[in-house]
């Protein structure tokens, strides 16, 4: 996502007709970075079997009867879901800077800002820290998200990145500055000599491996022995086949700020603010751009089944548009994705598809028979409202949905009688 910072004037202009200088006093709010030393940051990992309250929903992954929930920048909650009617929190991994996670063969891999950290979860309720691949994401310049709509001080971030440690949070500050414009007389405005505008560019397997199932909002995806991550406009490729993960190839510039990634056959489908882009990973260490499908500017996740790609875009975010749609493409020819149809929605976010049943986080949760993309809206199976759905995982007739209010689970074994199994409430922020 991209945030822009503009100084907002709260003062008055002081000028006269005899000068080409104009002085303006401005007051604005801005997020200043909070730094932590690299040693302290990397020694901060803690594992507990206490039930730490979940107060900020994030990415989700399902693996062997357990649900792993990333709480942005804080760590990963572990939920025993052997009985979906009665999920139980059984532990928490404190991991500063975490946003995404993936699981393969009893190992949990998670980002911690610039690093990749991995854990042994052969016993999922009792993870053990195994190692850290340092600075593997450094080229992507990952920054923690802010919890407000104000911009960041980019100069403080990048001038001090590394020298002061890593950025683990933000402190909102009010600033008042006096700046001078040159005007060239009364003829018009010239160069602005004050504060600058700042910007923040802030699985598939081979049959012998077991993989965790992630939601559509994930920035991690797997193919065979490889983990692909997308942060900002960089794709990282990590080989997981050995005893420890290793960086497999140079980072790949994908040309756009990627929000999500989805693995389908031997291709990666990526959602960006301007559309869906497709890369081939036929050669896993040398991803190749195949095609793109552009749409109205908006944030979007992608899921694919039976050569049909489902994309949502929504408003009310930093992507700067007011369109809310479900967009469906035929990707049987990945070199030429073809638009099938688009539908207006209220404010869709994450989505999932399972054997022709489509689940969309929109005004809660909406469920459709998607066997014919042209008639999806006329084939609604259920609509549950009253919660702010974020992402879903459909698996073996149980739909896992993470929402602002909690973790919801639905039984869809009988599509004519879909019903709520349980709700694990989250702590209100």
Foldseek 3Di string as FASTA:
>chain_A
DKAKADFAFPFDWDDDLVAQKIKGKTKDKAWEFDFDAQVCQVPVKDKDQDQDFQAAFAWWWDDDQWIWTARAQFWIWIWRRVPVLDIHTGMTIGHGQWHFWKDKAQKIWTDHQQKIWIWRPPPVSDTHTDDIDGRLNVVLNADGDAPDRHYHDVCNCPVCDPVRHHGRYIDMDMDMDMWMWGAVRPPGTDDTGDDDMDMPLNEDEDPPMDIIDIWQQHQWYYYHQWIWGAASQKIWIWGNPDPDIDGQEDIDGNPGTWRGWYDDDQKIWTWGQFWIWIWGCPVVHDIHTQAIDGDHGFTWTWDDDPQKIWIWGFDPDPSDDHFTKIWIWRCPPVNDIHTDDMDGAAGWAIWDDDPQWIWIQGQHIWIFRRPDVVCTVVGTLDDDHDWRWHTWDDDPQKIWTQTSFFIWIWGCPPSNDIDTSYTDGGDHD
